[in-house]
Amino acid sequence: MTLTIKYFGMTAEASGKTEESFRSNYSSIAELQKDIINKYPKLEKISFKIAANQTIVNDDYLLSENEEIALLPPFAGG
């Protein structure tokens, strides 16, 4: 399965990337998140939400081929 991972704000700074492709057999967002944090340990200290195809999802969300995943740090309004 191929997933596109997009990083924004502090998550982009922590990973050093704005986007990358992951090829894997993750079944859930929780598995993907664990692997991303293992790859980029600085993300463990950052609070962020995960969106799949532009919708915020929970850890138990089941992944499908070619999904776009976004790591979204807290946003401030103004």
N, C-alpha and C. Protein backbone atom coordinates (compact mmCIF):
# COMPACT_ATOMS: atom_id res chain seq x y z
N MET A 1 0.85 -1.17 0.00
CA MET A 1 0.00 0.00 0.00
C MET A 1 0.90 1.24 0.00
N THR A 2 0.52 2.23 -0.76
CA THR A 2 1.25 3.49 -0.79
C THR A 2 0.39 4.59 -0.19
N LEU A 3 0.98 5.32 0.74
CA LEU A 3 0.31 6.44 1.39
C LEU A 3 1.13 7.69 1.17
N THR A 4 0.48 8.81 0.95
CA THR A 4 1.15 10.11 0.90
C THR A 4 0.99 10.77 2.25
N ILE A 5 2.12 11.10 2.88
CA ILE A 5 2.11 11.74 4.19
C ILE A 5 2.51 13.19 4.01
N LYS A 6 1.67 14.11 4.50
CA LYS A 6 1.96 15.54 4.44
C LYS A 6 2.16 16.06 5.85
N TYR A 7 3.18 16.89 6.00
CA TYR A 7 3.54 17.45 7.30
C TYR A 7 3.33 18.97 7.25
N PHE A 8 2.76 19.51 8.32
CA PHE A 8 2.49 20.94 8.38
C PHE A 8 3.05 21.52 9.68
N GLY A 9 3.47 22.79 9.61
CA GLY A 9 3.93 23.51 10.81
C GLY A 9 5.02 22.80 11.56
N MET A 10 4.78 22.59 12.85
CA MET A 10 5.78 21.96 13.72
C MET A 10 6.09 20.53 13.31
N THR A 11 5.13 19.83 12.71
CA THR A 11 5.41 18.45 12.29
C THR A 11 6.38 18.44 11.11
N ALA A 12 6.29 19.46 10.25
CA ALA A 12 7.24 19.58 9.13
C ALA A 12 8.64 19.91 9.66
N GLU A 13 8.71 20.78 10.65
CA GLU A 13 10.00 21.11 11.25
C GLU A 13 10.63 19.89 11.92
N ALA A 14 9.83 19.10 12.63
CA ALA A 14 10.34 17.94 13.35
C ALA A 14 10.79 16.82 12.41
N SER A 15 10.11 16.68 11.28
CA SER A 15 10.45 15.61 10.34
C SER A 15 11.47 16.07 9.29
N GLY A 16 11.56 17.39 9.09
CA GLY A 16 12.43 17.90 8.05
C GLY A 16 11.85 17.71 6.66
N LYS A 17 10.55 17.43 6.59
CA LYS A 17 9.88 17.18 5.32
C LYS A 17 8.52 17.89 5.30
N THR A 18 8.05 18.14 4.10
CA THR A 18 6.68 18.63 3.95
C THR A 18 5.78 17.54 3.38
N GLU A 19 6.40 16.55 2.72
CA GLU A 19 5.63 15.46 2.13
C GLU A 19 6.55 14.29 1.83
N GLU A 20 6.01 13.07 1.94
CA GLU A 20 6.74 11.88 1.54
C GLU A 20 5.74 10.75 1.29
N SER A 21 6.19 9.73 0.60
CA SER A 21 5.37 8.54 0.36
C SER A 21 5.85 7.42 1.26
N PHE A 22 4.91 6.69 1.83
CA PHE A 22 5.21 5.51 2.64
C PHE A 22 4.65 4.30 1.91
N ARG A 23 5.46 3.29 1.74
CA ARG A 23 4.99 2.02 1.22
C ARG A 23 5.00 1.04 2.38
N SER A 24 3.82 0.53 2.72
CA SER A 24 3.72 -0.35 3.86
C SER A 24 2.41 -1.10 3.85
N ASN A 25 2.25 -1.93 4.86
CA ASN A 25 1.00 -2.68 5.03
C ASN A 25 0.32 -2.31 6.34
N TYR A 26 0.35 -1.03 6.70
CA TYR A 26 -0.33 -0.57 7.90
C TYR A 26 -1.82 -0.86 7.76
N SER A 27 -2.43 -1.24 8.86
CA SER A 27 -3.87 -1.44 8.80
C SER A 27 -4.62 -0.26 9.42
N SER A 28 -3.96 0.43 10.38
CA SER A 28 -4.66 1.53 11.06
C SER A 28 -3.77 2.76 11.20
N ILE A 29 -4.41 3.87 11.49
CA ILE A 29 -3.69 5.11 11.75
C ILE A 29 -2.74 4.94 12.93
N ALA A 30 -3.13 4.19 13.95
CA ALA A 30 -2.28 3.98 15.12
C ALA A 30 -0.95 3.35 14.73
N GLU A 31 -0.99 2.34 13.84
CA GLU A 31 0.25 1.69 13.38
C GLU A 31 1.12 2.66 12.60
N LEU A 32 0.51 3.43 11.73
CA LEU A 32 1.24 4.41 10.94
C LEU A 32 1.87 5.46 11.84
N GLN A 33 1.10 5.98 12.79
CA GLN A 33 1.61 7.01 13.70
C GLN A 33 2.81 6.48 14.48
N LYS A 34 2.72 5.27 14.98
CA LYS A 34 3.84 4.67 15.73
C LYS A 34 5.10 4.62 14.87
N ASP A 35 4.97 4.21 13.62
CA ASP A 35 6.12 4.11 12.73
C ASP A 35 6.69 5.48 12.38
N ILE A 36 5.82 6.46 12.17
CA ILE A 36 6.29 7.81 11.87
C ILE A 36 7.06 8.39 13.06
N ILE A 37 6.54 8.17 14.27
CA ILE A 37 7.23 8.67 15.46
C ILE A 37 8.56 7.95 15.66
N ASN A 38 8.62 6.67 15.34
CA ASN A 38 9.90 5.95 15.40
C ASN A 38 10.89 6.53 14.41
N LYS A 39 10.41 6.91 13.24
CA LYS A 39 11.27 7.48 12.20
C LYS A 39 11.71 8.90 12.55
N TYR A 40 10.80 9.68 13.14
CA TYR A 40 11.06 11.07 13.51
C TYR A 40 10.74 11.26 15.00
N PRO A 41 11.65 10.89 15.90
CA PRO A 41 11.39 10.93 17.35
C PRO A 41 10.95 12.30 17.88
N LYS A 42 11.34 13.39 17.22
CA LYS A 42 10.93 14.73 17.69
C LYS A 42 9.41 14.88 17.66
N LEU A 43 8.72 14.10 16.83
CA LEU A 43 7.26 14.21 16.75
C LEU A 43 6.58 13.75 18.04
N GLU A 44 7.26 12.93 18.83
CA GLU A 44 6.66 12.43 20.06
C GLU A 44 6.35 13.56 21.04
N LYS A 45 7.08 14.66 20.94
CA LYS A 45 6.91 15.78 21.86
C LYS A 45 5.91 16.82 21.34
N ILE A 46 5.35 16.56 20.18
CA ILE A 46 4.43 17.51 19.55
C ILE A 46 3.01 16.95 19.57
N SER A 47 2.07 17.79 19.94
CA SER A 47 0.67 17.41 19.88
C SER A 47 0.17 17.65 18.46
N PHE A 48 -0.38 16.63 17.83
CA PHE A 48 -0.91 16.80 16.48
C PHE A 48 -2.08 15.86 16.23
N LYS A 49 -2.92 16.26 15.31
CA LYS A 49 -4.05 15.44 14.84
C LYS A 49 -3.64 14.82 13.51
N ILE A 50 -4.33 13.76 13.14
CA ILE A 50 -4.08 13.12 11.85
C ILE A 50 -5.36 13.16 11.04
N ALA A 51 -5.21 13.57 9.79
CA ALA A 51 -6.33 13.59 8.86
C ALA A 51 -6.06 12.60 7.73
N ALA A 52 -7.10 11.93 7.30
CA ALA A 52 -7.03 11.06 6.13
C ALA A 52 -7.98 11.63 5.09
N ASN A 53 -7.43 11.96 3.94
CA ASN A 53 -8.24 12.54 2.86
C ASN A 53 -9.02 13.76 3.33
N GLN A 54 -8.35 14.62 4.08
CA GLN A 54 -8.86 15.91 4.55
C GLN A 54 -9.95 15.81 5.62
N THR A 55 -9.99 14.67 6.34
CA THR A 55 -10.93 14.49 7.44
C THR A 55 -10.16 13.99 8.66
N ILE A 56 -10.32 14.66 9.81
CA ILE A 56 -9.66 14.23 11.04
C ILE A 56 -10.17 12.84 11.40
N VAL A 57 -9.23 11.93 11.74
CA VAL A 57 -9.60 10.55 12.04
C VAL A 57 -9.05 10.12 13.40
N ASN A 58 -9.60 9.05 13.95
CA ASN A 58 -9.15 8.47 15.21
C ASN A 58 -8.09 7.41 14.94
N ASP A 59 -7.46 6.93 16.02
CA ASP A 59 -6.41 5.92 15.91
C ASP A 59 -6.89 4.62 15.27
N ASP A 60 -8.17 4.30 15.41
CA ASP A 60 -8.67 3.03 14.88
C ASP A 60 -9.12 3.11 13.42
N TYR A 61 -8.94 4.26 12.80
CA TYR A 61 -9.31 4.42 11.38
C TYR A 61 -8.50 3.43 10.54
N LEU A 62 -9.17 2.70 9.66
CA LEU A 62 -8.51 1.71 8.81
C LEU A 62 -8.06 2.35 7.50
N LEU A 63 -6.81 2.14 7.18
CA LEU A 63 -6.21 2.76 5.99
C LEU A 63 -6.50 1.98 4.72
N SER A 64 -6.54 2.71 3.61
CA SER A 64 -6.72 2.12 2.28
C SER A 64 -5.62 2.61 1.36
N GLU A 65 -5.44 1.94 0.25
CA GLU A 65 -4.42 2.30 -0.74
C GLU A 65 -4.60 3.73 -1.22
N ASN A 66 -3.47 4.42 -1.41
CA ASN A 66 -3.40 5.76 -2.00
C ASN A 66 -4.08 6.86 -1.19
N GLU A 67 -4.19 6.69 0.11
CA GLU A 67 -4.78 7.75 0.92
C GLU A 67 -3.77 8.86 1.15
N GLU A 68 -4.30 10.06 1.34
CA GLU A 68 -3.48 11.21 1.69
C GLU A 68 -3.63 11.44 3.18
N ILE A 69 -2.52 11.34 3.90
CA ILE A 69 -2.50 11.50 5.34
C ILE A 69 -1.81 12.80 5.68
N ALA A 70 -2.39 13.58 6.58
CA ALA A 70 -1.79 14.85 6.99
C ALA A 70 -1.60 14.87 8.49
N LEU A 71 -0.42 15.32 8.92
CA LEU A 71 -0.14 15.52 10.34
C LEU A 71 -0.34 17.01 10.62
N LEU A 72 -1.33 17.31 11.46
CA LEU A 72 -1.76 18.68 11.67
C LEU A 72 -1.49 19.13 13.10
N PRO A 73 -0.59 20.08 13.29
CA PRO A 73 -0.33 20.61 14.62
C PRO A 73 -1.49 21.51 15.04
N PRO A 74 -1.54 21.91 16.32
CA PRO A 74 -2.60 22.83 16.74
C PRO A 74 -2.54 24.14 15.93
N PHE A 75 -3.70 24.65 15.61
CA PHE A 75 -3.79 25.91 14.87
C PHE A 75 -4.27 27.01 15.80
N ALA A 76 -3.73 28.18 15.63
CA ALA A 76 -4.18 29.34 16.42
C ALA A 76 -5.04 30.22 15.52
N GLY A 77 -6.13 30.68 16.06
CA GLY A 77 -7.00 31.57 15.31
C GLY A 77 -6.64 33.03 15.57
N GLY A 78 -7.23 33.90 14.80
CA GLY A 78 -6.92 35.29 15.08
C GLY A 78 -7.61 36.22 14.15
